């Protein structure tokens, strides 16, 4: 059976009115930077949008997911180059830090045999706090109006670093 073709409008129909502009801003920003959007239905996330780097066909090319979970717009940033913009982390608001705090700890740090071979997790400091968090949910964050500028800044930094690596 052929897979259904979804459009951005299908995803936006799931997003609360207050957050549609944010989703549209992310979409426009990513498309302008040459990322390819892919709207699909999965068991894990339901209908979601992912943005892929040009010329990279594997999941390594994904930079951002937008999804709706429990009625809330969420974003997952694959911050592969986080070490190059740690200064941004020191300006993150408390609500984002609290969400990162609740993310699962990185199993690979505890036992290298417990996670898939390619996993590197995230290992960084913000102030005095040491974060060793799971690659899958460290940057899986609720979107709210207070977090908009910080989330956009994280995506900008990651896409800039990725463009340097691809050049």
N, C-alpha and C. Protein backbone atom coordinates (compact mmCIF):
# COMPACT_ATOMS: atom_id res chain seq x y z
N UNK A 1 0.85 -1.18 0.00
CA UNK A 1 0.00 0.00 0.00
C UNK A 1 0.89 1.24 0.00
N UNK A 2 0.64 2.19 -0.90
CA UNK A 2 1.48 3.39 -0.96
C UNK A 2 1.27 4.27 0.27
N UNK A 3 2.35 4.93 0.71
CA UNK A 3 2.26 5.84 1.84
C UNK A 3 1.53 7.11 1.43
N UNK A 4 0.76 7.64 2.36
CA UNK A 4 0.04 8.89 2.10
C UNK A 4 1.04 10.03 2.00
N UNK A 5 0.75 10.98 1.16
CA UNK A 5 1.58 12.19 1.03
C UNK A 5 0.98 13.27 1.92
N UNK A 6 1.79 13.76 2.82
CA UNK A 6 1.33 14.80 3.73
C UNK A 6 1.98 16.12 3.35
N UNK A 7 1.28 17.19 3.65
CA UNK A 7 1.74 18.55 3.38
C UNK A 7 1.95 19.27 4.72
N UNK A 8 2.65 20.37 4.68
CA UNK A 8 2.86 21.16 5.89
C UNK A 8 1.51 21.58 6.50
N UNK A 9 0.54 21.84 5.67
CA UNK A 9 -0.78 22.25 6.16
C UNK A 9 -1.41 21.15 7.01
N UNK A 10 -1.16 19.88 6.68
CA UNK A 10 -1.68 18.77 7.48
C UNK A 10 -1.08 18.81 8.89
N UNK A 11 0.20 19.08 8.95
CA UNK A 11 0.86 19.18 10.26
C UNK A 11 0.34 20.41 11.01
N UNK A 12 0.26 21.54 10.34
CA UNK A 12 -0.18 22.78 10.99
C UNK A 12 -1.59 22.66 11.55
N UNK A 13 -2.41 21.81 10.96
CA UNK A 13 -3.77 21.60 11.47
C UNK A 13 -3.75 21.02 12.88
N UNK A 14 -2.66 20.36 13.27
CA UNK A 14 -2.52 19.78 14.60
C UNK A 14 -1.97 20.76 15.63
N UNK A 15 -1.38 21.86 15.14
CA UNK A 15 -0.68 22.81 16.00
C UNK A 15 -1.64 23.86 16.53
N UNK A 16 -1.53 24.15 17.83
CA UNK A 16 -2.36 25.21 18.41
C UNK A 16 -2.08 26.54 17.72
N UNK A 17 -3.08 27.38 17.62
CA UNK A 17 -2.99 28.65 16.92
C UNK A 17 -1.81 29.49 17.40
N UNK A 18 -1.56 29.51 18.72
CA UNK A 18 -0.48 30.33 19.28
C UNK A 18 0.91 29.95 18.77
N UNK A 19 1.04 28.72 18.23
CA UNK A 19 2.37 28.22 17.85
C UNK A 19 2.53 28.00 16.35
N UNK A 20 1.50 28.30 15.60
CA UNK A 20 1.59 28.12 14.15
C UNK A 20 2.64 29.04 13.54
N UNK A 21 2.71 30.28 14.01
CA UNK A 21 3.70 31.21 13.47
C UNK A 21 5.12 30.71 13.72
N UNK A 22 5.35 30.11 14.90
CA UNK A 22 6.67 29.55 15.19
C UNK A 22 6.98 28.42 14.22
N UNK A 23 6.03 27.52 14.01
CA UNK A 23 6.24 26.40 13.08
C UNK A 23 6.49 26.91 11.67
N UNK A 24 5.76 27.92 11.25
CA UNK A 24 5.97 28.51 9.92
C UNK A 24 7.32 29.21 9.82
N UNK A 25 7.74 29.88 10.90
CA UNK A 25 9.05 30.54 10.92
C UNK A 25 10.17 29.51 10.78
N UNK A 26 10.07 28.42 11.52
CA UNK A 26 11.08 27.36 11.42
C UNK A 26 11.09 26.79 10.02
N UNK A 27 9.92 26.53 9.47
CA UNK A 27 9.84 25.97 8.11
C UNK A 27 10.51 26.91 7.10
N UNK A 28 10.16 28.18 7.16
CA UNK A 28 10.72 29.15 6.21
C UNK A 28 12.24 29.26 6.38
N UNK A 29 12.70 29.31 7.62
CA UNK A 29 14.13 29.42 7.89
C UNK A 29 14.88 28.20 7.35
N UNK A 30 14.35 27.02 7.58
CA UNK A 30 15.04 25.80 7.15
C UNK A 30 15.04 25.67 5.63
N UNK A 31 13.93 25.97 5.00
CA UNK A 31 13.85 25.89 3.54
C UNK A 31 14.79 26.90 2.90
N UNK A 32 14.86 28.12 3.45
CA UNK A 32 15.78 29.13 2.92
C UNK A 32 17.23 28.69 3.03
N UNK A 33 17.53 27.90 4.05
CA UNK A 33 18.90 27.41 4.23
C UNK A 33 19.18 26.16 3.39
N UNK A 34 18.19 25.73 2.63
CA UNK A 34 18.39 24.59 1.74
C UNK A 34 18.03 23.24 2.32
N UNK A 35 17.47 23.22 3.52
CA UNK A 35 17.04 21.95 4.11
C UNK A 35 15.74 21.50 3.45
N UNK A 36 15.59 20.20 3.36
CA UNK A 36 14.40 19.62 2.74
C UNK A 36 13.43 19.16 3.82
N UNK A 37 12.19 19.66 3.80
CA UNK A 37 11.22 19.19 4.79
C UNK A 37 10.65 17.84 4.38
N UNK A 38 10.37 17.03 5.37
CA UNK A 38 9.72 15.74 5.14
C UNK A 38 8.62 15.61 6.19
N UNK A 39 7.39 15.50 5.72
CA UNK A 39 6.25 15.37 6.60
C UNK A 39 5.81 13.92 6.53
N UNK A 40 5.80 13.25 7.69
CA UNK A 40 5.44 11.84 7.67
C UNK A 40 4.73 11.44 8.95
N UNK A 41 4.11 10.30 8.89
CA UNK A 41 3.39 9.71 10.02
C UNK A 41 4.21 8.54 10.53
N UNK A 42 4.54 8.57 11.83
CA UNK A 42 5.27 7.46 12.43
C UNK A 42 4.55 7.01 13.70
N UNK A 43 4.85 5.80 14.15
CA UNK A 43 4.26 5.29 15.39
C UNK A 43 4.75 6.08 16.58
N UNK A 44 6.01 6.47 16.58
CA UNK A 44 6.59 7.17 17.73
C UNK A 44 6.07 8.58 17.90
N UNK A 45 6.03 9.34 16.81
CA UNK A 45 5.73 10.77 16.91
C UNK A 45 4.42 11.18 16.27
N UNK A 46 3.70 10.28 15.64
CA UNK A 46 2.52 10.68 14.89
C UNK A 46 2.96 11.48 13.68
N UNK A 47 2.16 12.43 13.26
CA UNK A 47 2.53 13.28 12.13
C UNK A 47 3.56 14.30 12.59
N UNK A 48 4.68 14.34 11.92
CA UNK A 48 5.73 15.28 12.29
C UNK A 48 6.47 15.76 11.05
N UNK A 49 7.22 16.83 11.24
CA UNK A 49 8.02 17.41 10.16
C UNK A 49 9.48 17.28 10.57
N UNK A 50 10.29 16.80 9.65
CA UNK A 50 11.73 16.78 9.89
C UNK A 50 12.40 17.54 8.75
N UNK A 51 13.53 18.12 9.05
CA UNK A 51 14.28 18.89 8.06
C UNK A 51 15.63 18.23 7.87
N UNK A 52 15.94 17.92 6.61
CA UNK A 52 17.13 17.16 6.25
C UNK A 52 18.14 18.05 5.55
N UNK A 53 19.41 17.79 5.84
CA UNK A 53 20.49 18.48 5.14
C UNK A 53 20.54 18.01 3.70
N UNK A 54 20.83 18.93 2.81
CA UNK A 54 21.03 18.53 1.42
C UNK A 54 22.19 17.55 1.31
N UNK A 55 22.09 16.64 0.43
CA UNK A 55 23.15 15.67 0.11
C UNK A 55 23.41 14.64 1.20
N UNK A 56 22.67 14.63 2.29
CA UNK A 56 22.85 13.62 3.32
C UNK A 56 21.54 12.86 3.46
N UNK A 57 21.54 11.62 3.04
CA UNK A 57 20.31 10.84 2.98
C UNK A 57 20.00 10.10 4.28
N UNK A 58 20.98 9.91 5.16
CA UNK A 58 20.75 9.17 6.39
C UNK A 58 20.18 10.07 7.48
N UNK A 59 19.80 9.47 8.60
CA UNK A 59 19.25 10.27 9.70
C UNK A 59 20.27 11.26 10.26
N UNK A 60 21.53 11.08 9.94
CA UNK A 60 22.56 12.04 10.36
C UNK A 60 22.26 13.42 9.78
N UNK A 61 21.57 13.46 8.66
CA UNK A 61 21.25 14.72 8.01
C UNK A 61 20.11 15.50 8.64
N UNK A 62 19.38 14.88 9.57
CA UNK A 62 18.24 15.57 10.18
C UNK A 62 18.75 16.58 11.19
N UNK A 63 18.23 17.79 11.11
CA UNK A 63 18.62 18.83 12.06
C UNK A 63 17.49 19.12 13.04
N UNK A 64 16.23 19.11 12.59
CA UNK A 64 15.11 19.51 13.44
C UNK A 64 13.90 18.62 13.15
N UNK A 65 13.21 18.29 14.22
CA UNK A 65 11.87 17.69 14.13
C UNK A 65 10.90 18.67 14.76
N UNK A 66 9.74 18.84 14.17
CA UNK A 66 8.61 19.51 14.81
C UNK A 66 7.53 18.45 14.97
N UNK A 67 6.97 18.34 16.17
CA UNK A 67 5.93 17.35 16.41
C UNK A 67 4.96 17.86 17.45
N UNK A 68 3.82 17.24 17.49
CA UNK A 68 2.81 17.58 18.49
C UNK A 68 2.68 16.35 19.38
N UNK A 69 2.88 16.55 20.69
CA UNK A 69 2.79 15.46 21.64
C UNK A 69 1.92 15.92 22.81
N UNK A 70 0.89 15.15 23.12
CA UNK A 70 -0.05 15.52 24.19
C UNK A 70 -0.60 16.93 23.97
N UNK A 71 -0.86 17.28 22.72
CA UNK A 71 -1.44 18.57 22.38
C UNK A 71 -0.46 19.73 22.35
N UNK A 72 0.81 19.49 22.70
CA UNK A 72 1.80 20.56 22.73
C UNK A 72 2.74 20.45 21.54
N UNK A 73 3.12 21.61 21.02
CA UNK A 73 4.14 21.64 19.98
C UNK A 73 5.48 21.41 20.64
N UNK A 74 6.22 20.47 20.10
CA UNK A 74 7.56 20.17 20.60
C UNK A 74 8.55 20.28 19.45
N UNK A 75 9.77 20.51 19.82
CA UNK A 75 10.84 20.57 18.83
C UNK A 75 11.96 19.67 19.34
N UNK A 76 12.56 18.97 18.41
CA UNK A 76 13.74 18.18 18.75
C UNK A 76 14.87 18.63 17.85
N UNK A 77 15.91 19.15 18.45
CA UNK A 77 17.05 19.66 17.71
C UNK A 77 18.18 18.64 17.82
N UNK A 78 18.67 18.20 16.70
CA UNK A 78 19.83 17.33 16.69
C UNK A 78 21.06 18.22 16.64
N UNK A 79 21.57 18.52 17.82
CA UNK A 79 22.65 19.48 17.97
C UNK A 79 24.01 18.78 17.91
N UNK A 80 24.33 18.22 16.77
CA UNK A 80 25.57 17.46 16.60
C UNK A 80 26.81 18.28 16.91
N UNK A 81 26.74 19.57 16.67
CA UNK A 81 27.91 20.45 16.83
C UNK A 81 27.80 21.35 18.06
N UNK A 82 27.06 20.89 19.05
CA UNK A 82 26.79 21.71 20.24
C UNK A 82 28.07 22.27 20.89
N UNK A 83 29.16 21.55 20.82
CA UNK A 83 30.39 21.99 21.47
C UNK A 83 30.93 23.30 20.88
N UNK A 84 30.51 23.63 19.67
CA UNK A 84 30.98 24.85 19.01
C UNK A 84 30.18 26.10 19.37
N UNK A 85 29.10 25.94 20.13
CA UNK A 85 28.32 27.11 20.52
C UNK A 85 27.80 26.98 21.95
N UNK A 86 28.66 26.51 22.83
CA UNK A 86 28.28 26.34 24.23
C UNK A 86 27.93 27.67 24.91
N UNK A 87 28.43 28.79 24.39
CA UNK A 87 28.10 30.09 24.97
C UNK A 87 26.59 30.35 24.93
N UNK A 88 25.92 29.82 23.92
CA UNK A 88 24.47 29.99 23.81
C UNK A 88 23.77 29.30 24.98
N UNK A 89 24.30 28.18 25.42
CA UNK A 89 23.68 27.41 26.50
C UNK A 89 23.63 28.21 27.79
N UNK A 90 24.60 29.07 28.01
CA UNK A 90 24.62 29.86 29.24
C UNK A 90 23.53 30.93 29.28
N UNK A 91 22.86 31.15 28.16
CA UNK A 91 21.77 32.14 28.12
C UNK A 91 20.39 31.48 28.06
N UNK A 92 20.35 30.17 28.10
CA UNK A 92 19.06 29.49 27.99
C UNK A 92 18.20 29.78 29.21
N UNK A 93 16.89 29.98 28.99
CA UNK A 93 16.01 30.25 30.13
C UNK A 93 15.80 29.01 31.00
N UNK A 94 15.36 29.26 32.20
CA UNK A 94 15.17 28.20 33.20
C UNK A 94 14.24 27.09 32.71
N UNK A 95 13.18 27.43 31.98
CA UNK A 95 12.24 26.39 31.53
C UNK A 95 12.90 25.40 30.56
N UNK A 96 13.80 25.88 29.72
CA UNK A 96 14.52 24.97 28.81
C UNK A 96 15.51 24.12 29.61
N UNK A 97 16.22 24.74 30.54
CA UNK A 97 17.17 24.00 31.37
C UNK A 97 16.46 22.92 32.18
N UNK A 98 15.28 23.23 32.71
CA UNK A 98 14.52 22.24 33.47
C UNK A 98 14.14 21.04 32.60
N UNK A 99 13.76 21.31 31.36
CA UNK A 99 13.41 20.21 30.45
C UNK A 99 14.64 19.36 30.13
N UNK A 100 15.77 20.02 29.92
CA UNK A 100 17.00 19.28 29.64
C UNK A 100 17.41 18.46 30.86
N UNK A 101 17.17 19.01 32.04
CA UNK A 101 17.48 18.30 33.28
C UNK A 101 16.68 17.01 33.39
N UNK A 102 15.44 17.04 32.93
CA UNK A 102 14.55 15.87 33.02
C UNK A 102 14.83 14.83 31.93
N UNK A 103 15.60 15.18 30.94
CA UNK A 103 15.93 14.24 29.86
C UNK A 103 16.70 13.06 30.44
N UNK A 104 16.58 11.92 29.78
CA UNK A 104 17.28 10.72 30.23
C UNK A 104 18.78 10.95 30.23
N UNK A 105 19.44 10.34 31.21
CA UNK A 105 20.90 10.37 31.22
C UNK A 105 21.41 9.49 30.09
N UNK A 106 22.58 9.80 29.60
CA UNK A 106 23.18 9.04 28.51
C UNK A 106 23.65 7.68 29.02
N UNK A 107 23.06 6.62 28.49
CA UNK A 107 23.44 5.26 28.91
C UNK A 107 24.87 4.94 28.53
N UNK A 108 25.33 5.50 27.43
CA UNK A 108 26.68 5.20 26.95
C UNK A 108 27.74 5.69 27.93
N UNK A 109 27.46 6.79 28.63
CA UNK A 109 28.39 7.30 29.63
C UNK A 109 28.48 6.30 30.79
N UNK A 110 27.34 5.74 31.18
CA UNK A 110 27.30 4.79 32.29
C UNK A 110 27.89 3.44 31.91
N UNK A 111 27.56 2.97 30.71
CA UNK A 111 28.04 1.67 30.24
C UNK A 111 28.08 1.69 28.71
N UNK A 112 29.28 1.76 28.12
CA UNK A 112 29.42 1.87 26.67
C UNK A 112 28.75 0.74 25.89
N UNK A 113 28.45 -0.38 26.52
CA UNK A 113 27.81 -1.50 25.84
C UNK A 113 26.29 -1.37 25.79
N UNK A 114 25.72 -0.43 26.52
CA UNK A 114 24.27 -0.33 26.65
C UNK A 114 23.58 0.47 25.55
N UNK A 115 24.31 1.13 24.71
CA UNK A 115 23.70 1.95 23.68
C UNK A 115 24.28 1.57 22.33
N UNK A 116 23.66 2.03 21.26
CA UNK A 116 24.15 1.70 19.93
C UNK A 116 25.52 2.31 19.70
N UNK A 117 26.29 1.68 18.86
CA UNK A 117 27.70 2.01 18.67
C UNK A 117 27.93 3.46 18.26
N UNK A 118 27.07 4.01 17.42
CA UNK A 118 27.27 5.37 16.92
C UNK A 118 26.86 6.46 17.89
N UNK A 119 26.25 6.10 19.00
CA UNK A 119 25.77 7.11 19.96
C UNK A 119 26.95 7.79 20.64
N UNK A 120 26.85 9.10 20.74
CA UNK A 120 27.86 9.85 21.47
C UNK A 120 27.24 10.63 22.62
N UNK A 121 25.90 10.74 22.65
CA UNK A 121 25.24 11.49 23.70
C UNK A 121 25.70 12.94 23.70
N UNK A 122 25.24 13.68 24.69
CA UNK A 122 25.64 15.06 24.88
C UNK A 122 26.33 15.17 26.23
N UNK A 123 27.45 15.83 26.28
CA UNK A 123 28.22 15.97 27.50
C UNK A 123 28.73 17.41 27.57
N UNK A 124 28.11 18.23 28.42
CA UNK A 124 28.47 19.65 28.48
C UNK A 124 28.16 20.21 29.86
N UNK A 125 28.66 21.39 30.12
CA UNK A 125 28.42 22.11 31.37
C UNK A 125 27.65 23.39 31.06
N UNK A 126 26.74 23.71 31.94
CA UNK A 126 26.09 25.01 31.94
C UNK A 126 26.26 25.53 33.35
N UNK A 127 27.06 26.57 33.47
CA UNK A 127 27.43 27.04 34.81
C UNK A 127 28.17 25.92 35.53
N UNK A 128 27.73 25.60 36.72
CA UNK A 128 28.35 24.55 37.52
C UNK A 128 27.75 23.17 37.26
N UNK A 129 26.67 23.11 36.50
CA UNK A 129 25.95 21.85 36.29
C UNK A 129 26.52 21.08 35.10
N UNK A 130 26.74 19.79 35.32
CA UNK A 130 27.27 18.91 34.28
C UNK A 130 26.12 18.09 33.72
N UNK A 131 25.91 18.19 32.41
CA UNK A 131 24.86 17.45 31.72
C UNK A 131 25.51 16.33 30.91
N UNK A 132 25.03 15.11 31.10
CA UNK A 132 25.42 13.96 30.28
C UNK A 132 24.09 13.33 29.87
N UNK A 133 23.53 13.80 28.78
CA UNK A 133 22.17 13.47 28.43
C UNK A 133 22.08 12.67 27.14
N UNK A 134 20.95 11.99 27.02
CA UNK A 134 20.68 11.12 25.88
C UNK A 134 20.54 11.93 24.59
N UNK A 135 21.12 11.39 23.55
CA UNK A 135 21.07 12.01 22.23
C UNK A 135 19.63 12.19 21.74
N UNK A 136 18.74 11.27 22.12
CA UNK A 136 17.37 11.31 21.60
C UNK A 136 16.47 12.34 22.25
N UNK A 137 16.72 12.69 23.52
CA UNK A 137 15.75 13.60 24.13
C UNK A 137 16.34 14.77 24.91
N UNK A 138 17.64 14.98 24.82
CA UNK A 138 18.23 16.13 25.51
C UNK A 138 17.62 17.44 24.99
N UNK A 139 17.48 17.55 23.69
CA UNK A 139 16.94 18.77 23.09
C UNK A 139 15.55 18.53 22.51
N UNK A 140 14.75 17.68 23.17
CA UNK A 140 13.33 17.50 22.83
C UNK A 140 12.59 18.43 23.78
N UNK A 141 12.18 19.59 23.27
CA UNK A 141 11.73 20.68 24.11
C UNK A 141 10.32 21.14 23.75
N UNK A 142 9.57 21.53 24.79
CA UNK A 142 8.27 22.14 24.56
C UNK A 142 8.50 23.52 23.96
N UNK A 143 7.64 23.88 23.03
CA UNK A 143 7.70 25.20 22.43
C UNK A 143 6.71 26.09 23.16
N UNK A 144 7.19 27.23 23.63
CA UNK A 144 6.32 28.25 24.19
C UNK A 144 6.87 29.61 23.79
N UNK A 145 6.08 30.63 23.99
CA UNK A 145 6.47 31.95 23.49
C UNK A 145 7.77 32.44 24.12
N UNK A 146 8.06 32.06 25.36
CA UNK A 146 9.31 32.48 26.01
C UNK A 146 10.53 31.81 25.38
N UNK A 147 10.35 30.61 24.85
CA UNK A 147 11.50 29.87 24.32
C UNK A 147 11.76 30.14 22.84
N UNK A 148 10.83 30.77 22.13
CA UNK A 148 10.99 31.00 20.69
C UNK A 148 12.38 31.50 20.30
N UNK A 149 12.84 32.65 20.86
CA UNK A 149 14.13 33.17 20.38
C UNK A 149 15.31 32.25 20.68
N UNK A 150 15.26 31.54 21.78
CA UNK A 150 16.36 30.65 22.15
C UNK A 150 16.39 29.41 21.25
N UNK A 151 15.23 28.88 20.93
CA UNK A 151 15.17 27.71 20.05
C UNK A 151 15.65 28.09 18.65
N UNK A 152 15.23 29.25 18.19
CA UNK A 152 15.68 29.72 16.87
C UNK A 152 17.19 29.92 16.88
N UNK A 153 17.73 30.47 17.96
CA UNK A 153 19.18 30.67 18.05
C UNK A 153 19.93 29.34 18.03
N UNK A 154 19.42 28.34 18.75
CA UNK A 154 20.06 27.01 18.73
C UNK A 154 20.08 26.42 17.32
N UNK A 155 18.96 26.55 16.63
CA UNK A 155 18.86 26.02 15.26
C UNK A 155 19.80 26.79 14.33
N UNK A 156 19.83 28.11 14.48
CA UNK A 156 20.74 28.93 13.66
C UNK A 156 22.19 28.51 13.87
N UNK A 157 22.58 28.32 15.12
CA UNK A 157 23.96 27.93 15.42
C UNK A 157 24.27 26.56 14.82
N UNK A 158 23.37 25.62 15.00
CA UNK A 158 23.62 24.27 14.47
C UNK A 158 23.68 24.28 12.95
N UNK A 159 22.77 24.99 12.31
CA UNK A 159 22.79 25.00 10.84
C UNK A 159 24.04 25.71 10.32
N UNK A 160 24.49 26.74 11.02
CA UNK A 160 25.73 27.42 10.62
C UNK A 160 26.92 26.46 10.72
N UNK A 161 27.00 25.72 11.81
CA UNK A 161 28.09 24.76 11.98
C UNK A 161 28.03 23.66 10.94
N UNK A 162 26.85 23.21 10.61
CA UNK A 162 26.71 22.17 9.61
C UNK A 162 27.10 22.66 8.22
N UNK A 163 26.79 23.92 7.94
CA UNK A 163 27.15 24.46 6.62
C UNK A 163 28.66 24.58 6.47
N UNK A 164 29.35 24.88 7.57
CA UNK A 164 30.81 24.94 7.57
C UNK A 164 31.38 23.55 7.31
N UNK A 165 30.78 22.54 7.95
CA UNK A 165 31.27 21.16 7.80
C UNK A 165 31.04 20.63 6.39
N UNK A 166 30.00 21.14 5.72
CA UNK A 166 29.67 20.66 4.37
C UNK A 166 30.44 21.41 3.30
N UNK A 167 31.01 22.56 3.64
CA UNK A 167 31.69 23.38 2.63
C UNK A 167 32.97 22.76 2.12
